[in-house]
Amino acid sequence: MRLMLLLAAPLLAVACVGGHVEEPAYTLSLSDGDFQLRQYAPTIVAETTVRGDALQTRFEGFGPLADYIFAKGREGETIAMTAPVTQAPREKIAMTAPVTQQESAGDVWTIGFTMPAGYSMATLPKPASPDVKLVEVPARTMAVFSFSGVATDRDMEAAQRNLMNRVSAAALKTKGDAVFAFYDPPWTPSFSRRNEVMIEVEPRS
């Protein structure tokens, strides 16, 4: 695990320095401390699916995406990096008591990387690996809760609870599952990290 983190760190350093790379475009309709409502423009996401615990899959999933971005094993130009790296649960394996490390490692996560706005499905290079898919994401309204920390399972669960509490208090109707977004390289102090959890909601009338 430690070797995997060390090998992945340089790649994540490039991908996650949010202040120096393109981020998905959105307009802000509500901002209340660590809670926001954002209207995102349509995007295209390169994504891959990985089985394991949340932190492990965040690093393992970035490998195939980095190969695609840097034109490893495929024709065509390299693609500029954007932020954030996203992570969403694909499915959960049924759990039994007591919860163990081995059981929690059965979760399946989708790791995603947003393509720069100048590309379309027609102009993006075709991924060489069948593990990488290009997915069109339509315009959507997202409720977003910001949090710091390393984003362990416990951090993510707490952030998602806070998000859903804020969504409920705002009387918003959700659509689909929560998505996590990470903007910083691994060596960023935990208290300074910019993390987000977001979920699609029905637009306010």
C-alpha atoms as a PDB file:
ATOM      1  CA  MET A   1       0.000   0.000   0.000  1.00  0.00           C
ATOM      2  CA  ARG A   2       2.745   2.485   0.903  1.00  0.00           C
ATOM      3  CA  LEU A   3       4.611   1.752  -2.351  1.00  0.00           C
ATOM      4  CA  MET A   4       1.404   2.273  -4.314  1.00  0.00           C
ATOM      5  CA  LEU A   5       0.879   5.673  -2.690  1.00  0.00           C
ATOM      6  CA  LEU A   6       4.445   6.748  -3.426  1.00  0.00           C
ATOM      7  CA  LEU A   7       4.182   5.740  -7.064  1.00  0.00           C
ATOM      8  CA  ALA A   8       0.845   7.486  -7.501  1.00  0.00           C
ATOM      9  CA  ALA A   9       1.803  10.683  -5.691  1.00  0.00           C
ATOM     10  CA  PRO A  10       3.538  12.445  -8.628  1.00  0.00           C
ATOM     11  CA  LEU A  11       0.527  11.831 -10.845  1.00  0.00           C
ATOM     12  CA  LEU A  12      -1.923  13.079  -8.259  1.00  0.00           C
ATOM     13  CA  ALA A  13       0.267  16.096  -7.659  1.00  0.00           C
ATOM     14  CA  VAL A  14      -0.268  17.124 -11.267  1.00  0.00           C
ATOM     15  CA  ALA A  15      -3.964  16.313 -11.262  1.00  0.00           C
ATOM     16  CA  CYS A  16      -4.990  17.851  -7.969  1.00  0.00           C
ATOM     17  CA  VAL A  17      -3.440  21.300  -7.797  1.00  0.00           C
ATOM     18  CA  GLY A  18      -6.831  22.882  -8.367  1.00  0.00           C
ATOM     19  CA  GLY A  19      -5.616  26.475  -8.514  1.00  0.00           C
ATOM     20  CA  HIS A  20      -3.406  25.830 -11.550  1.00  0.00           C
ATOM     21  CA  VAL A  21      -5.609  23.652 -13.753  1.00  0.00           C
ATOM     22  CA  GLU A  22      -9.021  23.845 -15.360  1.00  0.00           C
ATOM     23  CA  GLU A  23     -12.061  22.898 -13.276  1.00  0.00           C
ATOM     24  CA  PRO A  24     -15.594  22.107 -14.525  1.00  0.00           C
ATOM     25  CA  ALA A  25     -17.593  25.261 -15.201  1.00  0.00           C
ATOM     26  CA  TYR A  26     -20.557  26.094 -12.985  1.00  0.00           C
ATOM     27  CA  THR A  27     -22.674  28.980 -11.773  1.00  0.00           C
ATOM     28  CA  LEU A  28     -23.447  29.437  -8.104  1.00  0.00           C
ATOM     29  CA  SER A  29     -27.057  29.836  -6.952  1.00  0.00           C
ATOM     30  CA  LEU A  30     -26.515  29.436  -3.184  1.00  0.00           C
ATOM     31  CA  SER A  31     -23.512  29.701  -0.893  1.00  0.00           C
ATOM     32  CA  ASP A  32     -23.926  29.141   2.843  1.00  0.00           C
ATOM     33  CA  GLY A  33     -20.600  28.450   4.542  1.00  0.00           C
ATOM     34  CA  ASP A  34     -19.482  24.951   3.544  1.00  0.00           C
ATOM     35  CA  PHE A  35     -22.700  24.263   1.568  1.00  0.00           C
ATOM     36  CA  GLN A  36     -23.392  25.377  -2.006  1.00  0.00           C
ATOM     37  CA  LEU A  37     -25.803  24.826  -4.871  1.00  0.00           C
ATOM     38  CA  ARG A  38     -24.071  24.804  -8.258  1.00  0.00           C
ATOM     39  CA  GLN A  39     -25.374  24.593 -11.830  1.00  0.00           C
ATOM     40  CA  TYR A  40     -22.773  22.668 -13.811  1.00  0.00           C
ATOM     41  CA  ALA A  41     -22.375  22.820 -17.577  1.00  0.00           C
ATOM     42  CA  PRO A  42     -22.289  19.538 -19.548  1.00  0.00           C
ATOM     43  CA  THR A  43     -18.998  17.678 -19.274  1.00  0.00           C
ATOM     44  CA  ILE A  44     -17.247  14.568 -20.548  1.00  0.00           C
ATOM     45  CA  VAL A  45     -15.625  12.318 -17.975  1.00  0.00           C
ATOM     46  CA  ALA A  46     -13.004   9.604 -18.425  1.00  0.00           C
ATOM     47  CA  GLU A  47     -13.724   6.989 -15.801  1.00  0.00           C
ATOM     48  CA  THR A  48     -12.600   3.592 -14.588  1.00  0.00           C
ATOM     49  CA  THR A  49     -14.010   1.183 -12.011  1.00  0.00           C
ATOM     50  CA  VAL A  50     -11.887  -0.297  -9.217  1.00  0.00           C
ATOM     51  CA  ARG A  51     -12.642  -2.691  -6.366  1.00  0.00           C
ATOM     52  CA  GLY A  52     -11.222  -1.987  -2.914  1.00  0.00           C
ATOM     53  CA  ASP A  53     -11.478   0.420  -0.024  1.00  0.00           C
ATOM     54  CA  ALA A  54     -12.046   4.120  -0.659  1.00  0.00           C
ATOM     55  CA  LEU A  55      -8.467   5.346  -0.217  1.00  0.00           C
ATOM     56  CA  GLN A  56      -6.869   2.449  -2.086  1.00  0.00           C
ATOM     57  CA  THR A  57      -9.125   2.741  -5.121  1.00  0.00           C
ATOM     58  CA  ARG A  58      -8.557   6.490  -5.323  1.00  0.00           C
ATOM     59  CA  PHE A  59      -4.902   5.803  -6.178  1.00  0.00           C
ATOM     60  CA  GLU A  60      -5.295   2.576  -8.137  1.00  0.00           C
ATOM     61  CA  GLY A  61      -8.024   4.018 -10.328  1.00  0.00           C
ATOM     62  CA  PHE A  62      -5.895   6.966 -11.342  1.00  0.00           C
ATOM     63  CA  GLY A  63      -3.331   4.759 -13.097  1.00  0.00           C
ATOM     64  CA  PRO A  64      -5.457   3.823 -16.144  1.00  0.00           C
ATOM     65  CA  LEU A  65      -6.754   7.395 -16.348  1.00  0.00           C
ATOM     66  CA  ALA A  66      -3.218   8.787 -16.305  1.00  0.00           C
ATOM     67  CA  ASP A  67      -2.242   6.400 -19.121  1.00  0.00           C
ATOM     68  CA  TYR A  68      -5.129   7.781 -21.162  1.00  0.00           C
ATOM     69  CA  ILE A  69      -4.334  11.428 -20.406  1.00  0.00           C
ATOM     70  CA  PHE A  70      -0.633  11.023 -21.198  1.00  0.00           C
ATOM     71  CA  ALA A  71      -1.318   9.043 -24.426  1.00  0.00           C
ATOM     72  CA  LYS A  72       0.307   5.865 -23.126  1.00  0.00           C
ATOM     73  CA  GLY A  73      -0.569   2.999 -25.449  1.00  0.00           C
ATOM     74  CA  ARG A  74      -2.807   5.048 -27.726  1.00  0.00           C
ATOM     75  CA  GLU A  75      -2.503   7.404 -30.668  1.00  0.00           C
ATOM     76  CA  GLY A  76      -3.206  11.110 -30.509  1.00  0.00           C
ATOM     77  CA  GLU A  77      -2.232  14.070 -28.387  1.00  0.00           C
ATOM     78  CA  THR A  78      -1.871  14.225 -24.656  1.00  0.00           C
ATOM     79  CA  ILE A  79      -4.746  15.834 -22.777  1.00  0.00           C
ATOM     80  CA  ALA A  80      -4.360  18.661 -20.288  1.00  0.00           C
ATOM     81  CA  MET A  81      -5.002  17.798 -16.678  1.00  0.00           C
ATOM     82  CA  THR A  82      -8.020  19.153 -14.831  1.00  0.00           C
ATOM     83  CA  ALA A  83      -9.245  19.034 -11.258  1.00  0.00           C
ATOM     84  CA  PRO A  84     -10.791  17.453  -9.298  1.00  0.00           C
ATOM     85  CA  VAL A  85     -10.340  13.685  -9.294  1.00  0.00           C
ATOM     86  CA  THR A  86     -13.801  12.292  -8.543  1.00  0.00           C
ATOM     87  CA  GLN A  87     -14.839   9.118  -6.763  1.00  0.00           C
ATOM     88  CA  ALA A  88     -18.300   7.575  -6.573  1.00  0.00           C
ATOM     89  CA  PRO A  89     -19.579   4.263  -5.225  1.00  0.00           C
ATOM     90  CA  ARG A  90     -20.530   1.858  -7.994  1.00  0.00           C
ATOM     91  CA  GLU A  91     -21.933  -0.816  -5.721  1.00  0.00           C
ATOM     92  CA  LYS A  92     -21.618  -2.024  -2.151  1.00  0.00           C
ATOM     93  CA  ILE A  93     -20.971  -5.632  -1.214  1.00  0.00           C
ATOM     94  CA  ALA A  94     -23.353  -6.898   1.457  1.00  0.00           C
ATOM     95  CA  MET A  95     -21.759  -6.556   4.868  1.00  0.00           C
ATOM     96  CA  THR A  96     -21.964  -8.859   7.880  1.00  0.00           C
ATOM     97  CA  ALA A  97     -21.082  -8.249  11.514  1.00  0.00           C
ATOM     98  CA  PRO A  98     -18.429  -7.658  12.609  1.00  0.00           C
ATOM     99  CA  VAL A  99     -17.129  -5.337   9.912  1.00  0.00           C
ATOM    100  CA  THR A 100     -13.574  -6.299   8.935  1.00  0.00           C
ATOM    101  CA  GLN A 101     -10.910  -4.782   6.692  1.00  0.00           C
ATOM    102  CA  GLN A 102     -11.289  -7.657   4.240  1.00  0.00           C
ATOM    103  CA  GLU A 103     -15.036  -7.201   3.904  1.00  0.00           C
ATOM    104  CA  SER A 104     -14.845  -3.446   3.394  1.00  0.00           C
ATOM    105  CA  ALA A 105     -12.287  -4.045   0.625  1.00  0.00           C
ATOM    106  CA  GLY A 106     -15.111  -5.530  -1.468  1.00  0.00           C
ATOM    107  CA  ASP A 107     -16.581  -2.118  -2.354  1.00  0.00           C
ATOM    108  CA  VAL A 108     -16.585  -0.990  -5.990  1.00  0.00           C
ATOM    109  CA  TRP A 109     -15.796   2.627  -6.864  1.00  0.00           C
ATOM    110  CA  THR A 110     -15.764   4.651 -10.068  1.00  0.00           C
ATOM    111  CA  ILE A 111     -12.831   7.070 -10.354  1.00  0.00           C
ATOM    112  CA  GLY A 112     -13.331   9.919 -12.811  1.00  0.00           C
ATOM    113  CA  PHE A 113     -11.373  12.666 -14.521  1.00  0.00           C
ATOM    114  CA  THR A 114     -13.184  15.510 -16.278  1.00  0.00           C
ATOM    115  CA  MET A 115     -12.008  16.264 -19.793  1.00  0.00           C
ATOM    116  CA  PRO A 116     -11.098  19.878 -20.707  1.00  0.00           C
ATOM    117  CA  ALA A 117     -14.051  21.902 -21.958  1.00  0.00           C
ATOM    118  CA  GLY A 118     -12.673  22.285 -25.490  1.00  0.00           C
ATOM    119  CA  TYR A 119     -13.183  18.610 -26.335  1.00  0.00           C
ATOM    120  CA  SER A 120     -16.216  16.700 -27.609  1.00  0.00           C
ATOM    121  CA  MET A 121     -16.814  12.968 -27.862  1.00  0.00           C
ATOM    122  CA  ALA A 122     -15.855  13.249 -31.528  1.00  0.00           C
ATOM    123  CA  THR A 123     -12.542  14.994 -30.882  1.00  0.00           C
ATOM    124  CA  LEU A 124     -11.330  13.086 -27.825  1.00  0.00           C
ATOM    125  CA  PRO A 125      -8.858  10.258 -28.520  1.00  0.00           C
ATOM    126  CA  LYS A 126     -10.284   6.785 -28.101  1.00  0.00           C
ATOM    127  CA  PRO A 127      -9.010   5.052 -24.926  1.00  0.00           C
ATOM    128  CA  ALA A 128      -6.664   2.151 -25.611  1.00  0.00           C
ATOM    129  CA  SER A 129      -7.719   0.290 -22.473  1.00  0.00           C
ATOM    130  CA  PRO A 130     -11.199  -1.230 -22.142  1.00  0.00           C
ATOM    131  CA  ASP A 131     -11.000  -0.232 -18.477  1.00  0.00           C
ATOM    132  CA  VAL A 132     -11.365   3.459 -19.391  1.00  0.00           C
ATOM    133  CA  LYS A 133     -14.709   4.772 -20.603  1.00  0.00           C
ATOM    134  CA  LEU A 134     -15.678   8.217 -21.856  1.00  0.00           C
ATOM    135  CA  VAL A 135     -19.057   9.300 -20.467  1.00  0.00           C
ATOM    136  CA  GLU A 136     -21.121  12.353 -21.353  1.00  0.00           C
ATOM    137  CA  VAL A 137     -22.544  14.053 -18.260  1.00  0.00           C
ATOM    138  CA  PRO A 138     -25.441  16.455 -18.924  1.00  0.00           C
ATOM    139  CA  ALA A 139     -25.943  19.838 -17.288  1.00  0.00           C
ATOM    140  CA  ARG A 140     -27.051  19.348 -13.706  1.00  0.00           C
ATOM    141  CA  THR A 141     -27.674  21.037 -10.381  1.00  0.00           C
ATOM    142  CA  MET A 142     -25.432  19.787  -7.577  1.00  0.00           C
ATOM    143  CA  ALA A 143     -25.660  20.283  -3.830  1.00  0.00           C
ATOM    144  CA  VAL A 144     -22.075  20.449  -2.541  1.00  0.00           C
ATOM    145  CA  PHE A 145     -20.574  20.145   0.949  1.00  0.00           C
ATOM    146  CA  SER A 146     -16.892  21.070   1.395  1.00  0.00           C
ATOM    147  CA  PHE A 147     -14.642  19.379   3.942  1.00  0.00           C
ATOM    148  CA  SER A 148     -10.970  19.007   4.780  1.00  0.00           C
ATOM    149  CA  GLY A 149      -8.955  16.044   6.030  1.00  0.00           C
ATOM    150  CA  VAL A 150      -7.340  12.987   4.487  1.00  0.00           C
ATOM    151  CA  ALA A 151     -10.755  11.750   3.290  1.00  0.00           C
ATOM    152  CA  THR A 152     -10.693   8.369   4.970  1.00  0.00           C
ATOM    153  CA  ASP A 153     -13.836   6.245   4.973  1.00  0.00           C
ATOM    154  CA  ARG A 154     -14.854   7.900   8.233  1.00  0.00           C
ATOM    155  CA  ASP A 155     -14.227  11.411   6.846  1.00  0.00           C
ATOM    156  CA  MET A 156     -16.254  10.637   3.746  1.00  0.00           C
ATOM    157  CA  GLU A 157     -19.152   9.140   5.676  1.00  0.00           C
ATOM    158  CA  ALA A 158     -19.292  12.154   7.998  1.00  0.00           C
ATOM    159  CA  ALA A 159     -19.176  14.580   5.064  1.00  0.00           C
ATOM    160  CA  GLN A 160     -21.956  12.725   3.268  1.00  0.00           C
ATOM    161  CA  ARG A 161     -24.131  12.831   6.393  1.00  0.00           C
ATOM    162  CA  ASN A 162     -23.548  16.578   6.642  1.00  0.00           C
ATOM    163  CA  LEU A 163     -24.408  17.012   2.968  1.00  0.00           C
ATOM    164  CA  MET A 164     -27.649  15.069   3.278  1.00  0.00           C
ATOM    165  CA  ASN A 165     -28.625  17.022   6.405  1.00  0.00           C
ATOM    166  CA  ARG A 166     -28.142  20.284   4.524  1.00  0.00           C
ATOM    167  CA  VAL A 167     -30.050  18.949   1.501  1.00  0.00           C
ATOM    168  CA  SER A 168     -32.919  17.892   3.754  1.00  0.00           C
ATOM    169  CA  ALA A 169     -32.962  21.244   5.533  1.00  0.00           C
ATOM    170  CA  ALA A 170     -33.156  23.000   2.157  1.00  0.00           C
ATOM    171  CA  ALA A 171     -36.060  20.724   1.094  1.00  0.00           C
ATOM    172  CA  LEU A 172     -34.174  19.569  -2.008  1.00  0.00           C
ATOM    173  CA  LYS A 173     -34.959  16.345  -3.866  1.00  0.00           C
ATOM    174  CA  THR A 174     -31.894  14.253  -4.706  1.00  0.00           C
ATOM    175  CA  LYS A 175     -31.123  12.248  -7.847  1.00  0.00           C
ATOM    176  CA  GLY A 176     -28.613   9.383  -7.857  1.00  0.00           C
ATOM    177  CA  ASP A 177     -25.644   8.798  -5.561  1.00  0.00           C
ATOM    178  CA  ALA A 178     -23.158  11.126  -3.916  1.00  0.00           C
ATOM    179  CA  VAL A 179     -19.844  11.858  -5.662  1.00  0.00           C
ATOM    180  CA  PHE A 180     -16.619  12.830  -3.894  1.00  0.00           C
ATOM    181  CA  ALA A 181     -14.129  15.307  -5.345  1.00  0.00           C
ATOM    182  CA  PHE A 182     -10.465  15.741  -4.363  1.00  0.00           C
ATOM    183  CA  TYR A 183      -8.322  18.704  -5.375  1.00  0.00           C
ATOM    184  CA  ASP A 184      -4.970  18.422  -3.576  1.00  0.00           C
ATOM    185  CA  PRO A 185      -1.769  16.337  -3.799  1.00  0.00           C
ATOM    186  CA  PRO A 186      -1.218  13.722  -1.073  1.00  0.00           C
ATOM    187  CA  TRP A 187       1.337  15.730   0.903  1.00  0.00           C
ATOM    188  CA  THR A 188      -1.010  18.683   1.474  1.00  0.00           C
ATOM    189  CA  PRO A 189      -1.636  19.085   5.237  1.00  0.00           C
ATOM    190  CA  SER A 190      -4.947  17.483   6.114  1.00  0.00           C
ATOM    191  CA  PHE A 191      -6.409  20.707   7.518  1.00  0.00           C
ATOM    192  CA  SER A 192      -5.663  22.515   4.237  1.00  0.00           C
ATOM    193  CA  ARG A 193      -7.112  19.941   1.861  1.00  0.00           C
ATOM    194  CA  ARG A 194     -10.005  20.857  -0.367  1.00  0.00           C
ATOM    195  CA  ASN A 195     -12.442  17.980  -0.594  1.00  0.00           C
ATOM    196  CA  GLU A 196     -16.080  17.978  -1.590  1.00  0.00           C
ATOM    197  CA  VAL A 197     -19.030  15.628  -1.586  1.00  0.00           C
ATOM    198  CA  MET A 198     -21.869  16.447  -3.961  1.00  0.00           C
ATOM    199  CA  ILE A 199     -25.168  15.012  -5.104  1.00  0.00           C
ATOM    200  CA  GLU A 200     -27.467  15.946  -7.960  1.00  0.00           C
ATOM    201  CA  VAL A 201     -30.711  17.631  -6.929  1.00  0.00           C
ATOM    202  CA  GLU A 202     -33.851  18.760  -8.714  1.00  0.00           C
ATOM    203  CA  PRO A 203     -33.521  22.426  -9.760  1.00  0.00           C
ATOM    204  CA  ARG A 204     -35.415  24.900  -7.643  1.00  0.00           C
ATOM    205  CA  SER A 205     -38.498  26.249  -9.376  1.00  0.00           C
END
